[in-house]
Structures are given as structure tokens and as C-alpha cells.
Amino acid sequence: MLRSLLAISLAVTIAGSARAEDRPPAIDPKAMEIGQASLEFLQAQSSMGFSWFITYDRIFEGREKITFIRSGSSLIARGSGYRSYAESGNTVREYIYDGKQLTISAPVQGFYTQTPISGDFDALVETAREQAGLVLPVWQIMSTKATDFLSEVEAASYLGTTLVNGREAHHLAFSEYRRDFQVWVSTDPERPVPLIFVETDPYTQGWPQYHAFLYDWNLEPEIEANSFIFTPGEGVAKISFSTLQTDPESGTLQPTSD
């Protein structure tokens, strides 16, 4: 559908007779400018906090589409640490990173695990993926490489403005070789934060989608001394990081079964 939308918005044909010089570019510069400005704004923030609600599709037996949800909140202070709370299915996970160690806490299941990781947030993202296949929630929003997000765009369209929960937002549509995606960005020039992100896989039957709704933005969060310190509660067991594996449906790390 998105590719059709892009095609309609970018096409200038009357029975195929329009001259090449009359056709608009495949990449609308306005869409790119707004999208890039939002990414640069996020990348420039020394700290930020926000809440998120995610839906994502899985295709079973080549035809049945099932939608799963995740929800939570994230906080980052560059140079100090990262903390996120995530709910998925019946599981709860807390991710706490202080620049030297990643802690994953499962308060409902009563365990936690820790593993040494050094570096900035992007180093955390890469190492967690390599070591355990763990993809941190909406990590792209907090990446110091956020401005690379539009580097492979092959088509872009500006689709006007709309209201998102009472806030006016630019509606942008993009297409790459491997995916299509849309972004709704606040029209506030002082705070051009993304409000909705939708990604479509056009090469998988059923065209599964990923939706991320971003809200409760705080660009000056209060960072307390213990914001990135984990203190286990009474009776909480510590388990080895190596005993965890990523659950394909929830995307969370779970203890391996015997």
C-alpha cells in the first residue's frame, strides 16, 4: 500500500505523456529536510526520556498474520547511562546500563543477569545484538548515528499535516530497497520529535508491519544519582547471562529450558 501511495504521490503522468523535465524528483526534498532535521535534533540531545507503544506482525505458515505488542519507557543520558522498562506479553524487563555493565532484570519472574559491556549507547546496542540477539526497544531514536537513518532512501514524499493526539504533525513517507516506512514528526520547529513510525516489509507475504507510537517526551529529564544503578530486591536470583536466549515472539531474553 505504501509503495502505491508513494507512486501516486510522485507520479505525474497523463497517459504516460508527461515530459521528463516536468516530473517531480523521486525524492521530495521537503520530506528529506523535515526527516533529517528531526534526526539531527534527536542526535543533539544530551538526555531524553519518552514512552512508547509498539505493535508488530508475525506471519505463520505463510499466511496467518498475528500482531504482538510491547510497551514501556526509555531514558538516556549520554555519557552516563541508559534505562528502559519494557512489557511484552506477560513478561517485564528492565534494562539498566551504566557504560560498563548491562543489567537485565525480570521482576515478575524474579531473576536478573549482568554482563560487562563498555562504551556508549551504540556500543551497547551492537554488543547486545551480537552476544544474545537482543534488540533494545526503539534504540534508533537514541542512537548517536540517528542521521544515518535516511541514508538508503530511494523515494520520499511529503503527505501534508495531520493531528496526532491533538498535536499537529508532518506526514512523511519513504521507500528503500528492503523496506517502506512512514514517519509523523511534530511541526513544532523547536521540538521536532517523531510521534509515530510505521515500517512495512513489502517482500514478505502479508506485508507485516511494525508500528511505534512515541509520547510523553521529556527533553530535560531529571537524572538522579541512582538512575543507572541496579539494586536487586530481596529473593531475586542472579543467573548467568550465557543461559539466556531471545524468544522469537516477545523479543525478550528468557532462561533456556532444560
Protein backbone atom coordinates (compact mmCIF):
# COMPACT_ATOMS: atom_id res chain seq x y z
CA MET A 1 0.00 0.00 0.00
CA LEU A 2 2.77 2.42 0.88
CA ARG A 3 4.55 1.81 -2.40
CA SER A 4 1.27 2.53 -4.16
CA LEU A 5 0.88 5.69 -2.11
CA LEU A 6 4.36 6.82 -2.99
CA ALA A 7 3.79 6.01 -6.63
CA ILE A 8 0.58 8.03 -6.71
CA SER A 9 2.06 11.00 -4.89
CA LEU A 10 5.20 11.06 -7.01
CA ALA A 11 3.74 10.21 -10.42
CA VAL A 12 2.99 12.90 -12.98
CA THR A 13 1.64 11.07 -15.93
CA ILE A 14 -1.29 11.70 -18.21
CA ALA A 15 -1.46 8.56 -20.30
CA GLY A 16 2.34 8.43 -19.97
CA SER A 17 2.85 11.60 -21.95
CA ALA A 18 4.40 13.93 -19.36
CA ARG A 19 7.85 15.24 -20.24
CA ALA A 20 10.74 14.09 -18.07
CA GLU A 21 11.59 17.67 -17.07
CA ASP A 22 8.01 18.16 -15.77
CA ARG A 23 8.16 15.22 -13.38
CA PRO A 24 8.95 15.84 -9.71
CA PRO A 25 12.03 14.12 -8.27
CA ALA A 26 11.55 10.67 -6.75
CA ILE A 27 12.94 12.09 -3.53
CA ASP A 28 10.92 15.07 -2.32
CA PRO A 29 13.44 17.45 -0.72
CA LYS A 30 10.84 18.72 1.76
CA ALA A 31 10.29 15.22 3.14
CA MET A 32 14.04 14.67 3.44
CA GLU A 33 14.61 18.06 5.07
CA ILE A 34 11.95 17.51 7.74
CA GLY A 35 13.03 13.93 8.41
CA GLN A 36 16.70 14.83 8.64
CA ALA A 37 16.00 17.82 10.91
CA SER A 38 14.15 15.55 13.33
CA LEU A 39 17.01 13.04 13.38
CA GLU A 40 19.61 15.76 13.92
CA PHE A 41 17.51 17.15 16.76
CA LEU A 42 17.37 13.77 18.49
CA GLN A 43 21.08 13.18 17.99
CA ALA A 44 21.88 16.56 19.56
CA GLN A 45 20.00 15.85 22.80
CA SER A 46 22.30 15.16 25.75
CA SER A 47 19.45 13.42 27.55
CA MET A 48 15.84 12.48 26.88
CA GLY A 49 13.03 10.31 28.13
CA PHE A 50 9.86 9.11 26.43
CA SER A 51 7.23 6.39 26.49
CA TRP A 52 6.40 4.04 23.64
CA PHE A 53 3.80 1.55 22.47
CA ILE A 54 4.74 -0.93 19.73
CA THR A 55 2.80 -3.38 17.60
CA TYR A 56 4.49 -5.81 15.23
CA ASP A 57 3.28 -8.60 12.96
CA ARG A 58 4.47 -12.17 12.54
CA ILE A 59 3.41 -14.37 9.62
CA PHE A 60 2.73 -18.02 10.42
CA GLU A 61 2.50 -20.86 7.89
CA GLY A 62 2.95 -18.35 5.10
CA ARG A 63 -0.44 -16.69 5.51
CA GLU A 64 -1.72 -16.11 9.05
CA LYS A 65 -0.79 -12.71 10.46
CA ILE A 66 -0.62 -12.36 14.25
CA THR A 67 0.04 -8.99 15.89
CA PHE A 68 2.07 -8.71 19.09
CA ILE A 69 2.53 -5.68 21.33
CA ARG A 70 5.24 -4.19 23.51
CA SER A 71 5.07 -1.09 25.68
CA GLY A 72 7.31 0.79 28.03
CA SER A 73 9.54 3.79 28.52
CA SER A 74 13.16 4.75 27.92
CA LEU A 75 15.63 7.19 29.46
CA ILE A 76 19.10 8.07 28.24
CA ALA A 77 21.79 10.46 29.44
CA ARG A 78 24.70 10.42 27.03
CA GLY A 79 27.93 9.68 28.83
CA SER A 80 26.10 8.47 31.94
CA GLY A 81 23.75 5.63 31.09
CA TYR A 82 20.53 4.20 29.76
CA ARG A 83 17.46 2.69 31.38
CA SER A 84 14.34 1.15 29.85
CA TYR A 85 11.23 -0.57 31.14
CA ALA A 86 9.51 -2.97 28.71
CA GLU A 87 6.38 -5.11 28.83
CA SER A 88 5.82 -7.84 26.24
CA GLY A 89 3.12 -10.46 26.62
CA ASN A 90 3.25 -11.48 30.28
CA THR A 91 6.93 -10.61 30.69
CA VAL A 92 8.53 -7.49 32.13
CA ARG A 93 12.13 -6.50 31.53
CA GLU A 94 14.24 -3.64 32.83
CA TYR A 95 17.44 -2.75 31.03
CA ILE A 96 19.98 -0.70 33.01
CA TYR A 97 23.32 0.36 31.56
CA ASP A 98 26.00 2.49 33.26
CA GLY A 99 28.59 2.49 30.48
CA LYS A 100 30.39 -0.53 31.92
CA GLN A 101 27.75 -3.15 32.65
CA LEU A 102 24.35 -4.12 31.29
CA THR A 103 21.80 -5.40 33.79
CA ILE A 104 18.65 -7.16 32.63
CA SER A 105 16.06 -7.55 35.37
CA ALA A 106 12.94 -9.70 35.22
CA PRO A 107 10.98 -8.55 38.30
CA VAL A 108 7.93 -10.72 37.64
CA GLN A 109 9.98 -13.88 37.14
CA GLY A 110 12.32 -12.99 39.98
CA PHE A 111 15.74 -13.03 38.33
CA TYR A 112 18.36 -10.70 36.93
CA THR A 113 21.56 -11.04 34.95
CA GLN A 114 24.55 -8.84 34.25
CA THR A 115 27.24 -8.76 31.60
CA PRO A 116 30.20 -6.40 31.12
CA ILE A 117 29.84 -4.05 28.14
CA SER A 118 31.88 -0.89 27.69
CA GLY A 119 31.24 2.17 25.57
CA ASP A 120 28.45 4.48 24.54
CA PHE A 121 24.84 3.58 23.80
CA ASP A 122 25.62 2.44 20.24
CA ALA A 123 28.28 0.08 21.58
CA LEU A 124 25.65 -1.33 23.93
CA VAL A 125 23.19 -1.84 21.06
CA GLU A 126 25.75 -3.61 18.88
CA THR A 127 27.22 -5.81 21.61
CA ALA A 128 23.82 -6.87 22.99
CA ARG A 129 22.75 -7.87 19.49
CA GLU A 130 25.97 -9.80 18.81
CA GLN A 131 26.10 -11.58 22.16
CA ALA A 132 22.45 -12.52 22.61
CA GLY A 133 20.41 -11.37 19.64
CA LEU A 134 18.85 -8.75 21.91
CA VAL A 135 17.33 -5.74 20.16
CA LEU A 136 16.75 -2.92 22.62
CA PRO A 137 13.37 -1.19 22.30
CA VAL A 138 13.25 1.71 19.80
CA TRP A 139 17.02 2.05 20.03
CA GLN A 140 17.22 4.04 16.78
CA ILE A 141 15.61 7.05 18.49
CA MET A 142 18.55 7.31 20.91
CA SER A 143 21.40 6.39 18.57
CA THR A 144 24.28 8.80 18.04
CA LYS A 145 24.09 7.66 14.41
CA ALA A 146 20.47 8.73 14.01
CA THR A 147 21.26 10.88 10.99
CA ASP A 148 22.22 7.73 9.03
CA PHE A 149 18.63 6.54 9.20
CA LEU A 150 17.69 8.08 5.83
CA SER A 151 20.94 7.24 4.04
CA GLU A 152 19.44 4.48 1.85
CA VAL A 153 16.18 6.20 0.89
CA GLU A 154 15.25 5.77 -2.79
CA ALA A 155 11.89 7.57 -2.73
CA ALA A 156 10.40 10.13 -0.38
CA SER A 157 7.14 12.02 -0.27
CA TYR A 158 5.66 14.79 1.85
CA LEU A 159 1.99 13.99 2.51
CA GLY A 160 0.94 17.13 4.37
CA THR A 161 -0.01 17.60 8.01
CA THR A 162 -2.41 15.81 10.33
CA LEU A 163 -3.28 15.75 14.02
CA VAL A 164 -1.75 13.06 16.22
CA ASN A 165 -3.43 13.00 19.61
CA GLY A 166 -4.08 16.73 19.34
CA ARG A 167 -0.59 17.63 18.08
CA GLU A 168 -0.01 18.74 14.51
CA ALA A 169 2.49 16.56 12.68
CA HIS A 170 4.13 16.30 9.27
CA HIS A 171 3.34 13.03 7.50
CA LEU A 172 6.36 11.65 5.62
CA ALA A 173 6.64 8.51 3.50
CA PHE A 174 9.90 6.84 2.45
CA SER A 175 10.92 3.77 0.48
CA GLU A 176 14.16 1.81 0.43
CA TYR A 177 15.19 -1.35 -1.37
CA ARG A 178 14.37 -3.54 1.66
CA ARG A 179 11.51 -1.68 3.32
CA ASP A 180 8.93 1.09 3.24
CA PHE A 181 8.30 3.35 6.20
CA GLN A 182 6.29 6.36 7.29
CA VAL A 183 7.04 8.91 9.99
CA TRP A 184 4.86 11.51 11.67
CA VAL A 185 7.03 14.38 13.00
CA SER A 186 5.84 17.21 15.23
CA THR A 187 5.51 20.52 13.34
CA ASP A 188 6.94 22.36 16.37
CA PRO A 189 10.24 23.72 14.98
CA GLU A 190 11.72 23.86 18.49
CA ARG A 191 10.83 20.23 19.25
CA PRO A 192 10.58 18.23 16.00
CA VAL A 193 10.20 14.89 17.76
CA PRO A 194 8.81 11.81 15.97
CA LEU A 195 5.34 10.80 17.14
CA ILE A 196 4.62 7.70 15.03
CA PHE A 197 6.80 5.37 12.99
CA VAL A 198 5.42 2.64 10.71
CA GLU A 199 7.59 0.16 8.80
CA THR A 200 6.33 -2.29 6.17
CA ASP A 201 8.13 -5.35 4.80
CA PRO A 202 7.00 -5.48 1.15
CA TYR A 203 8.81 -8.74 0.41
CA THR A 204 7.09 -10.97 2.95
CA GLN A 205 3.65 -12.37 2.17
CA GLY A 206 1.04 -10.47 4.13
CA TRP A 207 3.21 -7.33 4.26
CA PRO A 208 3.89 -7.44 8.02
CA GLN A 209 4.17 -4.06 9.73
CA TYR A 210 5.87 -2.55 12.74
CA HIS A 211 4.22 0.43 14.46
CA ALA A 212 5.84 2.59 17.14
CA PHE A 213 3.88 5.30 18.94
CA LEU A 214 6.13 7.73 20.86
CA TYR A 215 4.75 10.04 23.53
CA ASP A 216 5.39 11.78 26.89
CA TRP A 217 8.59 13.29 25.55
CA ASN A 218 10.84 14.86 28.20
CA LEU A 219 13.93 16.55 26.80
CA GLU A 220 15.13 17.71 30.22
CA PRO A 221 14.59 14.63 32.39
CA GLU A 222 15.72 14.63 35.98
CA ILE A 223 18.70 12.30 36.21
CA GLU A 224 19.16 11.06 39.76
CA ALA A 225 22.36 9.59 41.18
CA ASN A 226 20.91 6.07 41.11
CA SER A 227 19.17 6.32 37.73
CA PHE A 228 21.53 3.80 36.16
CA ILE A 229 22.29 1.68 39.22
CA PHE A 230 20.55 -1.63 39.77
CA THR A 231 19.82 -2.88 43.27
CA PRO A 232 18.26 -6.37 43.37
CA GLY A 233 15.26 -6.89 45.61
CA GLU A 234 15.06 -9.49 48.32
CA GLY A 235 14.80 -13.01 46.98
CA VAL A 236 15.74 -12.07 43.42
CA ALA A 237 18.11 -14.65 41.90
CA LYS A 238 21.12 -13.80 39.78
CA ILE A 239 21.58 -16.05 36.75
CA SER A 240 24.31 -16.31 34.14
CA PHE A 241 23.92 -14.15 31.04
CA SER A 242 25.03 -17.11 28.93
CA THR A 243 21.96 -19.11 29.97
CA LEU A 244 19.59 -16.67 28.25
CA GLN A 245 18.22 -16.84 24.73
CA THR A 246 15.99 -14.47 22.78
CA ASP A 247 12.36 -15.50 22.49
CA PRO A 248 11.39 -15.07 18.80
CA GLU A 249 7.87 -13.84 19.59
CA SER A 250 8.36 -11.44 22.50
CA GLY A 251 11.91 -10.38 21.62
CA THR A 252 12.91 -10.72 25.27
CA LEU A 253 15.74 -12.75 26.78
CA GLN A 254 14.48 -15.87 28.55
CA PRO A 255 16.31 -18.56 30.52
CA THR A 256 16.98 -21.60 28.37
CA SER A 257 14.87 -24.60 29.24
CA ASP A 258 16.49 -27.88 30.17
